[in-house]
């Protein structure tokens, strides 16, 4: 009925009390660096349009960080991952009791957020829909502490050399390390993300084309990606001030939603309450230091540079908020115009609108429709298109 995780040297750990994994079918793929994929999803992937830097990194070890949690939807593992570049990141792995997909959802955090709060809410909703989830959190309070000369050097290097390409390369390294240890594919995946998570998602998809990765994103749903092109600090500051009234209005909408959600949540359509938002932003000094170090990189246009190299036959959803200056709506629309399989949605609201009831409802509906599509098509995602997940019926 269930299949035990394979134990290898320095494997992704399976904590005490969790002995088996939900059953799914593994998907083989060629190991020779070729471009032919099993399942007839894509016979060939176009080569990247531009020459992009590669970032070699591997996982040194992956160990249990916090006790395993189980709820009615699935099992949640909290692990600490150390990489060869000195980075230490937490990863949350969600394993649904009733999986509908061999394709795990890969995601990471929005700026200044972490393993708890709204990210945890979204992760649990994806697991509830039947998807395995691997959420690779960014460095924060759990990262290397500057308590020795050697560690001071490591922390200084980490703070001064962050990039979306390094972050996404660490996602690939994590998947490589997990290959075959859990009963889901690490070769063909679904990519989700919000804000910085969406920007990292664009880079991750482009990096799938690198021979050392030979991986395919079969579907992506990225929301609120920022800065397809570089802006300076002055332009960023002016744009932030212009955007601020819209963000305040959106925060008021979220507050009203939370108050209403405490009394009106329905089964299958969970909305976040105040408890779900607590812990979204971590004020720990190490977390603040790491997140502030990201600003220069986030406004540098790296996400757009890599997005140019995403295959022309990529499929998925891109959500842009019309009141989001940092979202650079026209730039992203122009950039992805050559990819007809990517449906761009322009929604009302500012950058934080992704945490409102109206957007949560839409995202949950897309997950449920994708899950139903996979069940109805025996797990074959080959012909999934935006119209299948955007239909008006729930």
Foldseek 3Di string as FASTA:
>chain_A
DWAAFDDDVQAQDDDPPDGTAAADAEADADLPLAAQGPQVLDRGFDFFPDDDDADDKAWPHKAFDDDWDADPFFIKTWIWIAMPLQWIWIKIKTGGNAALALAAEEWEDAFQFFDAFPVVVVQVLLSNLRHIYIYTYGDFPPGQDPPDPVSVVSLVCLLQDDALLVVLVVVLNVLVSNDRRHRHYSQEHEYEYAASRLLSVLLNLLCCSPSVRVGHHSEYAYELYFALAADDPVVVVVLCVQLVVLVVVLVVLLQVQQVVQVPDADPLQHADHPNNRPRRGDPPPRRVSNSVSCPNRSRHNPSNVSNLRRTLAYAYEYEHEPSEPRSPVVSVCVSNVSRVRYHYHYHYTYRPNCRGSVNSRLVSQLSNQVSVVCNVVVNNCSPDGPCSSRPPDD
